[in-house]
Amino acid sequence: MNQITELDSVERPTLSDEAFQRIATIAKGNWGLHLEENKRPLVTARLSKRVTATGVSSFADYIALIEAGDAAECDHFVSALTTNVTHFFREQHHFDYLAETVAPALQGHRSVRVWSAGCSTGQEPYSIAATLSRALPKASDLRILATDVDQDVLHKAEGGTYPAAEVVFPSPALEAQVFGTKERGPNRSVRPELRSMVTFRRLNLIQPWPVSGAFDAIFCRNVAIYFDKPTQAGLWQRFASHLKPNGHLFIGHSERVEHPETLGLQPAGITLYRKSLALDGGR
């Protein structure tokens, strides 16, 4: 996910102060989304489309739908307030580090586990899969958990097929790692062996996590930008507790972990952290 960046010029219903505050309260309480006043024009632009689509006459009526727990519309609500902007091997230095530093330390491990939290339409977990399958060709049990709160993007991600016009890579070599060398058509499909490495699940990061075991690496990039500072701090703490000793946490380019040492994390590069052995007794 990434920050909302565009306005819509179409005429839209008026969003009152009270309605905006109710929307902000719902977004924060249910999904951890922090909507400041400066996001109000963008919230108006995005949700006015949902007002029209649902056939209600006002924001007040639309909010009543959300407060009543309409599951399908709640999905549209959270999708409208977040933007799924991503591409393969985004922030390439993270994948270089994964291949050149993380993977060599995992050579010979019986199993390797990676979590892509906030995976959007799947470009991130498939980039992870391509990187590790190349760096750890002998790994017999390499699995990637990919989660997102948005059911629509998960459906596209699980399909593993993308319009060729939307496929953007830093280099042709990296593109071949994900899609193979077949001639381009109108759609590109991720290599089956990479798809089999990734399990997609729906998960709300501010609710309890039905996740067992620890991970060698966790990617949560351009997700925490939607949360306020206390929610971010709690999220980093929870991720740290789900890392194996020497496991790595990869975050977005505009995100920071405050006082990482208190979580047993050490800065390991640009927007990435390594879990120290000290707090785990060397396990």
C-alpha atoms as a PDB file:
ATOM      1  CA  MET A   1       0.000   0.000   0.000  1.00  0.00           C
ATOM      2  CA  ASN A   2       1.045   3.580  -0.481  1.00  0.00           C
ATOM      3  CA  GLN A   3      -0.242   7.022   0.355  1.00  0.00           C
ATOM      4  CA  ILE A   4      -3.289   8.521  -1.375  1.00  0.00           C
ATOM      5  CA  THR A   5      -1.966  10.996  -3.919  1.00  0.00           C
ATOM      6  CA  GLU A   6      -4.741  11.951  -6.356  1.00  0.00           C
ATOM      7  CA  LEU A   7      -7.920  14.042  -6.258  1.00  0.00           C
ATOM      8  CA  ASP A   8     -11.039  13.477  -8.302  1.00  0.00           C
ATOM      9  CA  SER A   9     -12.669  16.507  -9.904  1.00  0.00           C
ATOM     10  CA  VAL A  10     -16.143  14.910 -10.259  1.00  0.00           C
ATOM     11  CA  GLU A  11     -18.934  16.701  -8.365  1.00  0.00           C
ATOM     12  CA  ARG A  12     -19.547  14.929  -5.084  1.00  0.00           C
ATOM     13  CA  PRO A  13     -21.714  15.097  -1.951  1.00  0.00           C
ATOM     14  CA  THR A  14     -20.595  17.303   0.902  1.00  0.00           C
ATOM     15  CA  LEU A  15     -18.671  15.716   3.745  1.00  0.00           C
ATOM     16  CA  SER A  16     -19.543  17.535   6.973  1.00  0.00           C
ATOM     17  CA  ASP A  17     -17.198  17.875   9.944  1.00  0.00           C
ATOM     18  CA  GLU A  18     -19.282  15.362  11.880  1.00  0.00           C
ATOM     19  CA  ALA A  19     -19.316  12.846   9.025  1.00  0.00           C
ATOM     20  CA  PHE A  20     -15.560  13.118   8.544  1.00  0.00           C
ATOM     21  CA  GLN A  21     -14.963  12.510  12.241  1.00  0.00           C
ATOM     22  CA  ARG A  22     -17.235   9.465  12.191  1.00  0.00           C
ATOM     23  CA  ILE A  23     -15.368   8.086   9.176  1.00  0.00           C
ATOM     24  CA  ALA A  24     -12.030   8.722  10.877  1.00  0.00           C
ATOM     25  CA  THR A  25     -13.223   6.981  14.041  1.00  0.00           C
ATOM     26  CA  ILE A  26     -14.470   3.943  12.105  1.00  0.00           C
ATOM     27  CA  ALA A  27     -11.271   3.720  10.047  1.00  0.00           C
ATOM     28  CA  LYS A  28      -9.067   3.931  13.135  1.00  0.00           C
ATOM     29  CA  GLY A  29     -11.095   1.585  15.301  1.00  0.00           C
ATOM     30  CA  ASN A  30     -11.507  -1.185  12.743  1.00  0.00           C
ATOM     31  CA  TRP A  31      -8.419  -0.982  10.566  1.00  0.00           C
ATOM     32  CA  GLY A  32      -5.962   1.311  12.358  1.00  0.00           C
ATOM     33  CA  LEU A  33      -6.101   3.885   9.555  1.00  0.00           C
ATOM     34  CA  HIS A  34      -5.162   7.369  10.750  1.00  0.00           C
ATOM     35  CA  LEU A  35      -7.063  10.060   8.830  1.00  0.00           C
ATOM     36  CA  GLU A  36      -5.891  13.574   9.606  1.00  0.00           C
ATOM     37  CA  GLU A  37      -7.768  16.692   8.513  1.00  0.00           C
ATOM     38  CA  ASN A  38      -5.473  17.202   5.536  1.00  0.00           C
ATOM     39  CA  LYS A  39      -6.747  13.899   4.100  1.00  0.00           C
ATOM     40  CA  ARG A  40     -10.333  15.169   4.094  1.00  0.00           C
ATOM     41  CA  PRO A  41     -10.502  16.204   0.398  1.00  0.00           C
ATOM     42  CA  LEU A  42      -9.111  12.830  -0.605  1.00  0.00           C
ATOM     43  CA  VAL A  43     -11.492  10.940   1.673  1.00  0.00           C
ATOM     44  CA  THR A  44     -14.331  12.924   0.109  1.00  0.00           C
ATOM     45  CA  ALA A  45     -13.128  12.073  -3.398  1.00  0.00           C
ATOM     46  CA  ARG A  46     -12.755   8.374  -2.707  1.00  0.00           C
ATOM     47  CA  LEU A  47     -15.873   7.735  -0.633  1.00  0.00           C
ATOM     48  CA  SER A  48     -18.198   9.896  -2.723  1.00  0.00           C
ATOM     49  CA  LYS A  49     -17.841   7.192  -5.380  1.00  0.00           C
ATOM     50  CA  ARG A  50     -19.056   4.635  -2.848  1.00  0.00           C
ATOM     51  CA  VAL A  51     -21.995   6.881  -1.929  1.00  0.00           C
ATOM     52  CA  THR A  52     -22.977   6.862  -5.589  1.00  0.00           C
ATOM     53  CA  ALA A  53     -22.304   3.151  -6.066  1.00  0.00           C
ATOM     54  CA  THR A  54     -24.446   2.123  -3.093  1.00  0.00           C
ATOM     55  CA  GLY A  55     -27.320   4.386  -4.116  1.00  0.00           C
ATOM     56  CA  VAL A  56     -27.582   6.182  -0.776  1.00  0.00           C
ATOM     57  CA  SER A  57     -28.302   9.888  -0.744  1.00  0.00           C
ATOM     58  CA  SER A  58     -25.661  11.203   1.667  1.00  0.00           C
ATOM     59  CA  PHE A  59     -22.469  10.466   3.554  1.00  0.00           C
ATOM     60  CA  ALA A  60     -24.565  10.038   6.709  1.00  0.00           C
ATOM     61  CA  ASP A  61     -26.516   7.216   5.086  1.00  0.00           C
ATOM     62  CA  TYR A  62     -23.304   5.673   3.760  1.00  0.00           C
ATOM     63  CA  ILE A  63     -21.690   5.773   7.196  1.00  0.00           C
ATOM     64  CA  ALA A  64     -24.762   4.025   8.597  1.00  0.00           C
ATOM     65  CA  LEU A  65     -24.096   1.163   6.144  1.00  0.00           C
ATOM     66  CA  ILE A  66     -20.551   0.804   7.437  1.00  0.00           C
ATOM     67  CA  GLU A  67     -21.556   1.069  11.078  1.00  0.00           C
ATOM     68  CA  ALA A  68     -24.180  -1.637  10.486  1.00  0.00           C
ATOM     69  CA  GLY A  69     -21.354  -3.972   9.461  1.00  0.00           C
ATOM     70  CA  ASP A  70     -22.198  -4.499   5.781  1.00  0.00           C
ATOM     71  CA  ALA A  71     -19.289  -6.851   5.042  1.00  0.00           C
ATOM     72  CA  ALA A  72     -19.051  -6.208   1.301  1.00  0.00           C
ATOM     73  CA  GLU A  73     -19.212  -2.448   1.703  1.00  0.00           C
ATOM     74  CA  CYS A  74     -16.682  -2.503   4.534  1.00  0.00           C
ATOM     75  CA  ASP A  75     -14.298  -4.128   2.055  1.00  0.00           C
ATOM     76  CA  HIS A  76     -14.936  -1.315  -0.422  1.00  0.00           C
ATOM     77  CA  PHE A  77     -14.531   1.240   2.363  1.00  0.00           C
ATOM     78  CA  VAL A  78     -11.054   0.137   3.410  1.00  0.00           C
ATOM     79  CA  SER A  79     -10.006  -0.365  -0.216  1.00  0.00           C
ATOM     80  CA  ALA A  80     -11.090   3.186  -1.045  1.00  0.00           C
ATOM     81  CA  LEU A  81      -9.062   4.640   1.814  1.00  0.00           C
ATOM     82  CA  THR A  82      -5.854   2.879   0.830  1.00  0.00           C
ATOM     83  CA  THR A  83      -4.033   2.801  -2.488  1.00  0.00           C
ATOM     84  CA  ASN A  84      -2.435  -0.370  -3.795  1.00  0.00           C
ATOM     85  CA  VAL A  85       0.510   1.079  -5.692  1.00  0.00           C
ATOM     86  CA  THR A  86       3.256  -1.478  -6.132  1.00  0.00           C
ATOM     87  CA  HIS A  87       5.496  -3.134  -8.684  1.00  0.00           C
ATOM     88  CA  PHE A  88       7.900  -6.030  -8.914  1.00  0.00           C
ATOM     89  CA  PHE A  89      11.198  -5.592  -7.044  1.00  0.00           C
ATOM     90  CA  ARG A  90      10.126  -2.221  -5.680  1.00  0.00           C
ATOM     91  CA  GLU A  91      12.940  -0.718  -3.581  1.00  0.00           C
ATOM     92  CA  GLN A  92      15.353  -3.106  -5.243  1.00  0.00           C
ATOM     93  CA  HIS A  93      18.047  -2.661  -2.595  1.00  0.00           C
ATOM     94  CA  HIS A  94      15.896  -4.774  -0.250  1.00  0.00           C
ATOM     95  CA  PHE A  95      15.921  -7.681  -2.677  1.00  0.00           C
ATOM     96  CA  ASP A  96      19.654  -7.302  -3.273  1.00  0.00           C
ATOM     97  CA  TYR A  97      20.162  -7.522   0.489  1.00  0.00           C
ATOM     98  CA  LEU A  98      17.826 -10.520   0.698  1.00  0.00           C
ATOM     99  CA  ALA A  99      19.860 -12.341  -1.956  1.00  0.00           C
ATOM    100  CA  GLU A 100      23.349 -11.264  -0.908  1.00  0.00           C
ATOM    101  CA  THR A 101      23.124 -11.179   2.904  1.00  0.00           C
ATOM    102  CA  VAL A 102      20.021 -12.931   4.208  1.00  0.00           C
ATOM    103  CA  ALA A 103      19.999 -15.947   1.873  1.00  0.00           C
ATOM    104  CA  PRO A 104      23.645 -16.995   2.408  1.00  0.00           C
ATOM    105  CA  ALA A 105      23.010 -17.144   6.168  1.00  0.00           C
ATOM    106  CA  LEU A 106      20.066 -19.476   5.507  1.00  0.00           C
ATOM    107  CA  GLN A 107      22.027 -21.978   3.442  1.00  0.00           C
ATOM    108  CA  GLY A 108      21.513 -25.448   4.883  1.00  0.00           C
ATOM    109  CA  HIS A 109      18.452 -24.504   6.936  1.00  0.00           C
ATOM    110  CA  ARG A 110      15.743 -27.142   6.853  1.00  0.00           C
ATOM    111  CA  SER A 111      13.013 -24.575   6.361  1.00  0.00           C
ATOM    112  CA  VAL A 112      12.828 -20.900   5.398  1.00  0.00           C
ATOM    113  CA  ARG A 113       9.830 -18.723   6.248  1.00  0.00           C
ATOM    114  CA  VAL A 114       9.106 -15.192   5.008  1.00  0.00           C
ATOM    115  CA  TRP A 115       6.047 -13.015   5.619  1.00  0.00           C
ATOM    116  CA  SER A 116       4.894 -10.328   3.181  1.00  0.00           C
ATOM    117  CA  ALA A 117       2.507  -8.241   5.317  1.00  0.00           C
ATOM    118  CA  GLY A 118       0.411  -5.867   3.238  1.00  0.00           C
ATOM    119  CA  CYS A 119       1.167  -7.784   0.061  1.00  0.00           C
ATOM    120  CA  SER A 120      -1.281  -5.866  -2.157  1.00  0.00           C
ATOM    121  CA  THR A 121      -1.687  -7.465  -5.595  1.00  0.00           C
ATOM    122  CA  GLY A 122       1.219  -9.868  -5.095  1.00  0.00           C
ATOM    123  CA  GLN A 123       4.217  -8.240  -6.732  1.00  0.00           C
ATOM    124  CA  GLU A 124       6.160  -8.180  -3.458  1.00  0.00           C
ATOM    125  CA  PRO A 125       5.763 -11.851  -2.433  1.00  0.00           C
ATOM    126  CA  TYR A 126       6.438 -13.046  -5.975  1.00  0.00           C
ATOM    127  CA  SER A 127       9.592 -10.896  -6.044  1.00  0.00           C
ATOM    128  CA  ILE A 128      10.632 -12.492  -2.747  1.00  0.00           C
ATOM    129  CA  ALA A 129       9.930 -15.950  -4.151  1.00  0.00           C
ATOM    130  CA  ALA A 130      11.960 -15.260  -7.290  1.00  0.00           C
ATOM    131  CA  THR A 131      14.871 -13.904  -5.249  1.00  0.00           C
ATOM    132  CA  LEU A 132      15.016 -16.789  -2.785  1.00  0.00           C
ATOM    133  CA  SER A 133      14.431 -19.556  -5.325  1.00  0.00           C
ATOM    134  CA  ARG A 134      17.470 -18.272  -7.182  1.00  0.00           C
ATOM    135  CA  ALA A 135      19.607 -17.646  -4.083  1.00  0.00           C
ATOM    136  CA  LEU A 136      18.610 -20.885  -2.316  1.00  0.00           C
ATOM    137  CA  PRO A 137      18.177 -23.417  -5.134  1.00  0.00           C
ATOM    138  CA  LYS A 138      18.598 -26.386  -2.777  1.00  0.00           C
ATOM    139  CA  ALA A 139      16.042 -25.240  -0.214  1.00  0.00           C
ATOM    140  CA  SER A 140      13.420 -27.979   0.116  1.00  0.00           C
ATOM    141  CA  ASP A 141      10.950 -26.120   2.314  1.00  0.00           C
ATOM    142  CA  LEU A 142      10.769 -22.457   1.354  1.00  0.00           C
ATOM    143  CA  ARG A 143       7.435 -20.831   2.088  1.00  0.00           C
ATOM    144  CA  ILE A 144       6.106 -17.292   1.926  1.00  0.00           C
ATOM    145  CA  LEU A 145       3.012 -16.071   3.753  1.00  0.00           C
ATOM    146  CA  ALA A 146       1.393 -13.101   1.983  1.00  0.00           C
ATOM    147  CA  THR A 147      -1.375 -11.192   3.755  1.00  0.00           C
ATOM    148  CA  ASP A 148      -3.515  -8.140   3.140  1.00  0.00           C
ATOM    149  CA  VAL A 149      -6.718  -6.680   4.553  1.00  0.00           C
ATOM    150  CA  ASP A 150      -8.194  -6.103   1.068  1.00  0.00           C
ATOM    151  CA  GLN A 151      -9.921  -9.182  -0.351  1.00  0.00           C
ATOM    152  CA  ASP A 152     -10.005  -7.782  -3.902  1.00  0.00           C
ATOM    153  CA  VAL A 153      -6.236  -7.378  -4.156  1.00  0.00           C
ATOM    154  CA  LEU A 154      -5.698 -10.826  -2.633  1.00  0.00           C
ATOM    155  CA  HIS A 155      -7.871 -12.361  -5.337  1.00  0.00           C
ATOM    156  CA  LYS A 156      -5.735 -10.761  -8.045  1.00  0.00           C
ATOM    157  CA  ALA A 157      -2.522 -11.707  -6.252  1.00  0.00           C
ATOM    158  CA  GLU A 158      -3.513 -15.349  -5.902  1.00  0.00           C
ATOM    159  CA  GLY A 159      -4.321 -15.528  -9.606  1.00  0.00           C
ATOM    160  CA  GLY A 160      -0.746 -14.568 -10.417  1.00  0.00           C
ATOM    161  CA  THR A 161      -1.693 -13.065 -13.799  1.00  0.00           C
ATOM    162  CA  TYR A 162      -1.070  -9.450 -14.731  1.00  0.00           C
ATOM    163  CA  PRO A 163      -1.784  -7.329 -17.820  1.00  0.00           C
ATOM    164  CA  ALA A 164       1.472  -6.949 -19.717  1.00  0.00           C
ATOM    165  CA  ALA A 165       1.013  -3.162 -19.745  1.00  0.00           C
ATOM    166  CA  GLU A 166       1.154  -3.143 -15.920  1.00  0.00           C
ATOM    167  CA  VAL A 167       4.287  -5.284 -15.646  1.00  0.00           C
ATOM    168  CA  VAL A 168       7.202  -3.051 -14.654  1.00  0.00           C
ATOM    169  CA  PHE A 169      10.647  -4.365 -13.687  1.00  0.00           C
ATOM    170  CA  PRO A 170      14.029  -2.754 -12.998  1.00  0.00           C
ATOM    171  CA  SER A 171      15.592  -5.060 -15.617  1.00  0.00           C
ATOM    172  CA  PRO A 172      14.675  -7.760 -18.172  1.00  0.00           C
ATOM    173  CA  ALA A 173      16.675 -10.305 -16.148  1.00  0.00           C
ATOM    174  CA  LEU A 174      14.465  -9.785 -13.096  1.00  0.00           C
ATOM    175  CA  GLU A 175      11.365 -10.007 -15.258  1.00  0.00           C
ATOM    176  CA  ALA A 176      12.530 -13.374 -16.570  1.00  0.00           C
ATOM    177  CA  GLN A 177      12.997 -14.612 -12.994  1.00  0.00           C
ATOM    178  CA  VAL A 178       9.299 -14.028 -12.291  1.00  0.00           C
ATOM    179  CA  PHE A 179       7.637 -14.797 -15.636  1.00  0.00           C
ATOM    180  CA  GLY A 180      10.188 -16.908 -17.476  1.00  0.00           C
ATOM    181  CA  THR A 181      11.351 -16.227 -21.011  1.00  0.00           C
ATOM    182  CA  LYS A 182       8.173 -16.951 -22.955  1.00  0.00           C
ATOM    183  CA  GLU A 183       7.131 -14.433 -25.584  1.00  0.00           C
ATOM    184  CA  ARG A 184       5.047 -11.566 -24.222  1.00  0.00           C
ATOM    185  CA  GLY A 185       1.277 -11.691 -24.668  1.00  0.00           C
ATOM    186  CA  PRO A 186      -1.505  -9.415 -23.405  1.00  0.00           C
ATOM    187  CA  ASN A 187      -1.166 -11.042 -19.952  1.00  0.00           C
ATOM    188  CA  ARG A 188       1.809 -12.398 -18.037  1.00  0.00           C
ATOM    189  CA  SER A 189       1.558 -15.312 -15.589  1.00  0.00           C
ATOM    190  CA  VAL A 190       3.944 -15.888 -12.706  1.00  0.00           C
ATOM    191  CA  ARG A 191       5.974 -19.093 -12.999  1.00  0.00           C
ATOM    192  CA  PRO A 192       4.058 -21.986 -11.362  1.00  0.00           C
ATOM    193  CA  GLU A 193       6.992 -22.925  -9.117  1.00  0.00           C
ATOM    194  CA  LEU A 194       6.960 -19.423  -7.626  1.00  0.00           C
ATOM    195  CA  ARG A 195       3.189 -19.400  -7.142  1.00  0.00           C
ATOM    196  CA  SER A 196       3.406 -22.679  -5.248  1.00  0.00           C
ATOM    197  CA  MET A 197       5.761 -21.070  -2.722  1.00  0.00           C
ATOM    198  CA  VAL A 198       3.279 -18.352  -1.713  1.00  0.00           C
ATOM    199  CA  THR A 199       0.192 -18.722   0.483  1.00  0.00           C
ATOM    200  CA  PHE A 200      -2.230 -15.779   0.445  1.00  0.00           C
ATOM    201  CA  ARG A 201      -4.407 -15.036   3.448  1.00  0.00           C
ATOM    202  CA  ARG A 202      -6.596 -12.153   4.562  1.00  0.00           C
ATOM    203  CA  LEU A 203      -5.328 -10.440   7.709  1.00  0.00           C
ATOM    204  CA  ASN A 204      -6.073  -7.196   9.551  1.00  0.00           C
ATOM    205  CA  LEU A 205      -2.784  -6.152  11.137  1.00  0.00           C
ATOM    206  CA  ILE A 206      -4.377  -4.399  14.110  1.00  0.00           C
ATOM    207  CA  GLN A 207      -6.364  -7.471  15.128  1.00  0.00           C
ATOM    208  CA  PRO A 208      -5.039 -10.754  16.597  1.00  0.00           C
ATOM    209  CA  TRP A 209      -2.796 -12.663  14.209  1.00  0.00           C
ATOM    210  CA  PRO A 210      -3.550 -16.355  13.601  1.00  0.00           C
ATOM    211  CA  VAL A 211       0.129 -16.821  12.768  1.00  0.00           C
ATOM    212  CA  SER A 212       2.216 -19.572  14.329  1.00  0.00           C
ATOM    213  CA  GLY A 213       5.968 -19.907  14.363  1.00  0.00           C
ATOM    214  CA  ALA A 214       8.639 -17.326  13.609  1.00  0.00           C
ATOM    215  CA  PHE A 215       9.985 -15.915  10.372  1.00  0.00           C
ATOM    216  CA  ASP A 216      13.429 -15.496   8.862  1.00  0.00           C
ATOM    217  CA  ALA A 217      12.280 -12.237   7.281  1.00  0.00           C
ATOM    218  CA  ILE A 218       9.208 -10.018   7.431  1.00  0.00           C
ATOM    219  CA  PHE A 219       8.401  -7.431   4.761  1.00  0.00           C
ATOM    220  CA  CYS A 220       5.940  -4.736   5.817  1.00  0.00           C
ATOM    221  CA  ARG A 221       6.576  -1.832   3.486  1.00  0.00           C
ATOM    222  CA  ASN A 222       4.477   1.277   2.948  1.00  0.00           C
ATOM    223  CA  VAL A 223       1.769  -0.028   5.260  1.00  0.00           C
ATOM    224  CA  ALA A 224       2.593   1.625   8.594  1.00  0.00           C
ATOM    225  CA  ILE A 225       2.313   5.046   6.913  1.00  0.00           C
ATOM    226  CA  TYR A 226      -1.446   4.659   7.320  1.00  0.00           C
ATOM    227  CA  PHE A 227      -1.156   4.328  11.109  1.00  0.00           C
ATOM    228  CA  ASP A 228      -0.467   6.812  13.884  1.00  0.00           C
ATOM    229  CA  LYS A 229       2.752   6.603  15.885  1.00  0.00           C
ATOM    230  CA  PRO A 230       1.406   4.469  18.779  1.00  0.00           C
ATOM    231  CA  THR A 231      -0.116   1.974  16.338  1.00  0.00           C
ATOM    232  CA  GLN A 232       3.145   1.848  14.388  1.00  0.00           C
ATOM    233  CA  ALA A 233       5.132   1.223  17.555  1.00  0.00           C
ATOM    234  CA  GLY A 234       2.842  -1.636  18.528  1.00  0.00           C
ATOM    235  CA  LEU A 235       3.121  -3.114  15.045  1.00  0.00           C
ATOM    236  CA  TRP A 236       6.941  -3.060  15.063  1.00  0.00           C
ATOM    237  CA  GLN A 237       6.937  -4.722  18.485  1.00  0.00           C
ATOM    238  CA  ARG A 238       4.661  -7.499  17.289  1.00  0.00           C
ATOM    239  CA  PHE A 239       6.740  -8.068  14.172  1.00  0.00           C
ATOM    240  CA  ALA A 240       9.919  -8.238  16.252  1.00  0.00           C
ATOM    241  CA  SER A 241       8.353 -10.941  18.421  1.00  0.00           C
ATOM    242  CA  HIS A 242       7.596 -12.992  15.281  1.00  0.00           C
ATOM    243  CA  LEU A 243      11.170 -12.875  13.947  1.00  0.00           C
ATOM    244  CA  LYS A 244      13.675 -15.638  14.461  1.00  0.00           C
ATOM    245  CA  PRO A 245      17.034 -14.613  15.974  1.00  0.00           C
ATOM    246  CA  ASN A 246      18.991 -12.920  13.186  1.00  0.00           C
ATOM    247  CA  GLY A 247      15.720 -12.504  11.290  1.00  0.00           C
ATOM    248  CA  HIS A 248      15.200  -9.314   9.306  1.00  0.00           C
ATOM    249  CA  LEU A 249      12.428  -6.718   9.157  1.00  0.00           C
ATOM    250  CA  PHE A 250      12.066  -4.759   5.892  1.00  0.00           C
ATOM    251  CA  ILE A 251       9.987  -1.552   6.002  1.00  0.00           C
ATOM    252  CA  GLY A 252       9.031   1.221   3.584  1.00  0.00           C
ATOM    253  CA  HIS A 253      11.256   4.059   2.440  1.00  0.00           C
ATOM    254  CA  SER A 254       9.358   6.681   4.477  1.00  0.00           C
ATOM    255  CA  GLU A 255       8.970   4.531   7.603  1.00  0.00           C
ATOM    256  CA  ARG A 256      11.193   4.252  10.670  1.00  0.00           C
ATOM    257  CA  VAL A 257      11.354   2.080  13.769  1.00  0.00           C
ATOM    258  CA  GLU A 258      11.862   4.375  16.761  1.00  0.00           C
ATOM    259  CA  HIS A 259      14.336   3.060  19.347  1.00  0.00           C
ATOM    260  CA  PRO A 260      14.774  -0.328  17.638  1.00  0.00           C
ATOM    261  CA  GLU A 261      17.165  -1.510  20.367  1.00  0.00           C
ATOM    262  CA  THR A 262      14.255  -1.700  22.809  1.00  0.00           C
ATOM    263  CA  LEU A 263      12.690  -4.319  20.520  1.00  0.00           C
ATOM    264  CA  GLY A 264      15.887  -6.304  20.127  1.00  0.00           C
ATOM    265  CA  LEU A 265      16.393  -4.903  16.618  1.00  0.00           C
ATOM    266  CA  GLN A 266      19.550  -3.464  15.106  1.00  0.00           C
ATOM    267  CA  PRO A 267      19.685  -1.255  11.979  1.00  0.00           C
ATOM    268  CA  ALA A 268      21.099  -3.364   9.160  1.00  0.00           C
ATOM    269  CA  GLY A 269      20.776  -1.015   6.196  1.00  0.00           C
ATOM    270  CA  ILE A 270      18.354   1.381   4.543  1.00  0.00           C
ATOM    271  CA  THR A 271      14.936   0.775   6.141  1.00  0.00           C
ATOM    272  CA  LEU A 272      15.819  -2.691   7.354  1.00  0.00           C
ATOM    273  CA  TYR A 273      16.551  -4.173  10.765  1.00  0.00           C
ATOM    274  CA  ARG A 274      18.051  -7.390  12.105  1.00  0.00           C
ATOM    275  CA  LYS A 275      16.871  -9.121  15.253  1.00  0.00           C
ATOM    276  CA  SER A 276      19.633  -9.427  17.829  1.00  0.00           C
ATOM    277  CA  LEU A 277      20.543 -12.726  19.414  1.00  0.00           C
ATOM    278  CA  ALA A 278      20.913 -11.125  22.848  1.00  0.00           C
ATOM    279  CA  LEU A 279      17.243 -11.079  23.852  1.00  0.00           C
ATOM    280  CA  ASP A 280      16.749 -14.668  22.715  1.00  0.00           C
ATOM    281  CA  GLY A 281      19.594 -16.253  24.608  1.00  0.00           C
ATOM    282  CA  GLY A 282      21.234 -17.205  21.331  1.00  0.00           C
ATOM    283  CA  ARG A 283      18.413 -19.556  20.319  1.00  0.00           C
END
